[in-house]
């Protein structure tokens, strides 16, 4: 979805989606990063969408997180550390498979 907007209680457009990037999907769910503005301030939203049985369209859930660009870049700096920690957390066997997959798909 590109350049969609929402109207708040004031009657003004409170947010405007500039770009949507899907980064994970199944037949019934989708995870997307949305570059948007809220009251003219830029944010990155990570949002979950789902597809109702009687529809061909995905609709947003209430599960999302909004990050400022400063927060996004702080998170981005920590992704390698988070990935390594996650691999250790899930166990040696799964961790090794996950790191192999991650290093071959995303690098």
Foldseek 3Di string as FASTA:
>chain_A
DAFDFDADPVRDTQKTFHDKDWDDDDQFKTWIWTWMHGNNATWIKTWMWTADPVDPDTDTDPDMDIGHVVRVVVVVVCPVVVLQVVLVVVHDVSSVVSVVVCVVPPD
